[in-house]
Amino acid sequence: MANIKSAEKQNRQNAKRRQKNSKIKSSVRTAEKKVHKSLENNSNETAQVLFKEFVKKIDAAAGKDILHWKTAARKKSRLAKKVHVVS
């Protein structure tokens, strides 16, 4: 436990950031799962729309340094291959 005021404040700020970041990461994972499910159901148009939403979310997360930009690029690339193969 922190004894210094500035350290206590930093702990509070870290907790807020951690909560916010975990929400964003979770939404990225959820968007990815939605695309995978639509691919399993062979709904091509839906998959493409969901893929665009996924790209927006993952780019936003990478832009805020919540995900590394190379991780975002890798995930987009792998999912894009699957979406375009089905199309």
C-alpha atoms as a PDB file:
ATOM      1  CA  MET A   1       0.000   0.000   0.000  1.00  0.00           C
ATOM      2  CA  ALA A   2       1.225   3.454  -0.853  1.00  0.00           C
ATOM      3  CA  ASN A   3       1.991   5.911   1.930  1.00  0.00           C
ATOM      4  CA  ILE A   4       2.674   8.957  -0.201  1.00  0.00           C
ATOM      5  CA  LYS A   5      -0.173  11.060  -1.575  1.00  0.00           C
ATOM      6  CA  SER A   6       1.180  11.119  -5.111  1.00  0.00           C
ATOM      7  CA  ALA A   7       1.603   7.329  -5.092  1.00  0.00           C
ATOM      8  CA  GLU A   8      -1.992   6.886  -3.874  1.00  0.00           C
ATOM      9  CA  LYS A   9      -3.234   9.119  -6.670  1.00  0.00           C
ATOM     10  CA  GLN A  10      -1.148   7.209  -9.214  1.00  0.00           C
ATOM     11  CA  ASN A  11      -2.715   3.956  -7.975  1.00  0.00           C
ATOM     12  CA  ARG A  12      -6.204   5.401  -8.473  1.00  0.00           C
ATOM     13  CA  GLN A  13      -5.305   6.580 -11.980  1.00  0.00           C
ATOM     14  CA  ASN A  14      -3.837   3.183 -12.856  1.00  0.00           C
ATOM     15  CA  ALA A  15      -6.994   1.441 -11.679  1.00  0.00           C
ATOM     16  CA  LYS A  16      -9.158   3.684 -13.898  1.00  0.00           C
ATOM     17  CA  ARG A  17      -6.889   3.136 -16.896  1.00  0.00           C
ATOM     18  CA  ARG A  18      -6.776  -0.621 -16.336  1.00  0.00           C
ATOM     19  CA  GLN A  19     -10.581  -0.769 -16.233  1.00  0.00           C
ATOM     20  CA  LYS A  20     -10.938   1.331 -19.390  1.00  0.00           C
ATOM     21  CA  ASN A  21      -8.286  -0.647 -21.263  1.00  0.00           C
ATOM     22  CA  SER A  22      -9.835  -3.994 -20.341  1.00  0.00           C
ATOM     23  CA  LYS A  23     -13.211  -2.821 -21.692  1.00  0.00           C
ATOM     24  CA  ILE A  24     -11.637  -1.838 -24.990  1.00  0.00           C
ATOM     25  CA  LYS A  25      -9.681  -5.109 -25.269  1.00  0.00           C
ATOM     26  CA  SER A  26     -12.846  -7.040 -24.505  1.00  0.00           C
ATOM     27  CA  SER A  27     -14.797  -5.217 -27.209  1.00  0.00           C
ATOM     28  CA  VAL A  28     -12.041  -6.037 -29.724  1.00  0.00           C
ATOM     29  CA  ARG A  29     -12.176  -9.724 -28.793  1.00  0.00           C
ATOM     30  CA  THR A  30     -15.979  -9.713 -29.009  1.00  0.00           C
ATOM     31  CA  ALA A  31     -15.889  -8.105 -32.461  1.00  0.00           C
ATOM     32  CA  GLU A  32     -13.396 -10.751 -33.606  1.00  0.00           C
ATOM     33  CA  LYS A  33     -15.611 -13.553 -32.307  1.00  0.00           C
ATOM     34  CA  LYS A  34     -18.628 -12.097 -34.131  1.00  0.00           C
ATOM     35  CA  VAL A  35     -16.725 -12.185 -37.419  1.00  0.00           C
ATOM     36  CA  HIS A  36     -15.665 -15.802 -36.809  1.00  0.00           C
ATOM     37  CA  LYS A  37     -19.250 -16.828 -36.029  1.00  0.00           C
ATOM     38  CA  SER A  38     -20.596 -15.167 -39.161  1.00  0.00           C
ATOM     39  CA  LEU A  39     -17.937 -16.999 -41.190  1.00  0.00           C
ATOM     40  CA  GLU A  40     -19.039 -20.301 -39.651  1.00  0.00           C
ATOM     41  CA  ASN A  41     -22.635 -19.529 -40.608  1.00  0.00           C
ATOM     42  CA  ASN A  42     -21.560 -18.746 -44.204  1.00  0.00           C
ATOM     43  CA  SER A  43     -23.056 -15.255 -44.166  1.00  0.00           C
ATOM     44  CA  ASN A  44     -20.576 -13.408 -46.383  1.00  0.00           C
ATOM     45  CA  GLU A  45     -22.149  -9.947 -46.362  1.00  0.00           C
ATOM     46  CA  THR A  46     -22.544  -9.991 -42.599  1.00  0.00           C
ATOM     47  CA  ALA A  47     -18.941 -11.113 -42.176  1.00  0.00           C
ATOM     48  CA  GLN A  48     -17.674  -8.227 -44.285  1.00  0.00           C
ATOM     49  CA  VAL A  49     -19.713  -5.667 -42.340  1.00  0.00           C
ATOM     50  CA  LEU A  50     -18.584  -7.126 -39.015  1.00  0.00           C
ATOM     51  CA  PHE A  51     -14.989  -7.200 -40.261  1.00  0.00           C
ATOM     52  CA  LYS A  52     -15.121  -3.453 -40.978  1.00  0.00           C
ATOM     53  CA  GLU A  53     -16.372  -2.831 -37.425  1.00  0.00           C
ATOM     54  CA  PHE A  54     -13.606  -5.066 -36.067  1.00  0.00           C
ATOM     55  CA  VAL A  55     -10.979  -3.104 -38.009  1.00  0.00           C
ATOM     56  CA  LYS A  56     -12.282   0.195 -36.613  1.00  0.00           C
ATOM     57  CA  LYS A  57     -12.154  -1.104 -33.043  1.00  0.00           C
ATOM     58  CA  ILE A  58      -8.729  -2.682 -33.293  1.00  0.00           C
ATOM     59  CA  ASP A  59      -7.266   0.392 -35.022  1.00  0.00           C
ATOM     60  CA  ALA A  60      -8.646   2.587 -32.248  1.00  0.00           C
ATOM     61  CA  ALA A  61      -7.122   0.295 -29.616  1.00  0.00           C
ATOM     62  CA  ALA A  62      -3.758   0.312 -31.409  1.00  0.00           C
ATOM     63  CA  GLY A  63      -3.925   4.091 -31.764  1.00  0.00           C
ATOM     64  CA  LYS A  64      -4.396   4.469 -28.011  1.00  0.00           C
ATOM     65  CA  ASP A  65      -1.500   2.057 -27.328  1.00  0.00           C
ATOM     66  CA  ILE A  66      -3.815  -0.456 -25.706  1.00  0.00           C
ATOM     67  CA  LEU A  67      -2.668  -3.042 -28.250  1.00  0.00           C
ATOM     68  CA  HIS A  68       0.677  -3.019 -29.999  1.00  0.00           C
ATOM     69  CA  TRP A  69       0.332  -1.871 -33.598  1.00  0.00           C
ATOM     70  CA  LYS A  70       1.971  -5.027 -34.932  1.00  0.00           C
ATOM     71  CA  THR A  71      -0.455  -7.189 -32.956  1.00  0.00           C
ATOM     72  CA  ALA A  72      -3.345  -5.255 -34.471  1.00  0.00           C
ATOM     73  CA  ALA A  73      -1.900  -5.618 -37.966  1.00  0.00           C
ATOM     74  CA  ARG A  74      -1.399  -9.363 -37.508  1.00  0.00           C
ATOM     75  CA  LYS A  75      -4.935  -9.917 -36.250  1.00  0.00           C
ATOM     76  CA  LYS A  76      -6.425  -7.830 -39.074  1.00  0.00           C
ATOM     77  CA  SER A  77      -4.373  -9.665 -41.677  1.00  0.00           C
ATOM     78  CA  ARG A  78      -5.298 -13.135 -40.470  1.00  0.00           C
ATOM     79  CA  LEU A  79      -8.974 -12.309 -40.220  1.00  0.00           C
ATOM     80  CA  ALA A  80      -8.974 -10.530 -43.593  1.00  0.00           C
ATOM     81  CA  LYS A  81      -7.605 -13.683 -45.229  1.00  0.00           C
ATOM     82  CA  LYS A  82     -10.464 -15.724 -43.818  1.00  0.00           C
ATOM     83  CA  VAL A  83     -13.108 -13.151 -44.783  1.00  0.00           C
ATOM     84  CA  HIS A  84     -11.830 -12.765 -48.345  1.00  0.00           C
ATOM     85  CA  VAL A  85     -11.429 -16.499 -48.930  1.00  0.00           C
ATOM     86  CA  VAL A  86     -15.090 -17.060 -48.067  1.00  0.00           C
ATOM     87  CA  SER A  87     -16.294 -14.135 -50.215  1.00  0.00           C
END
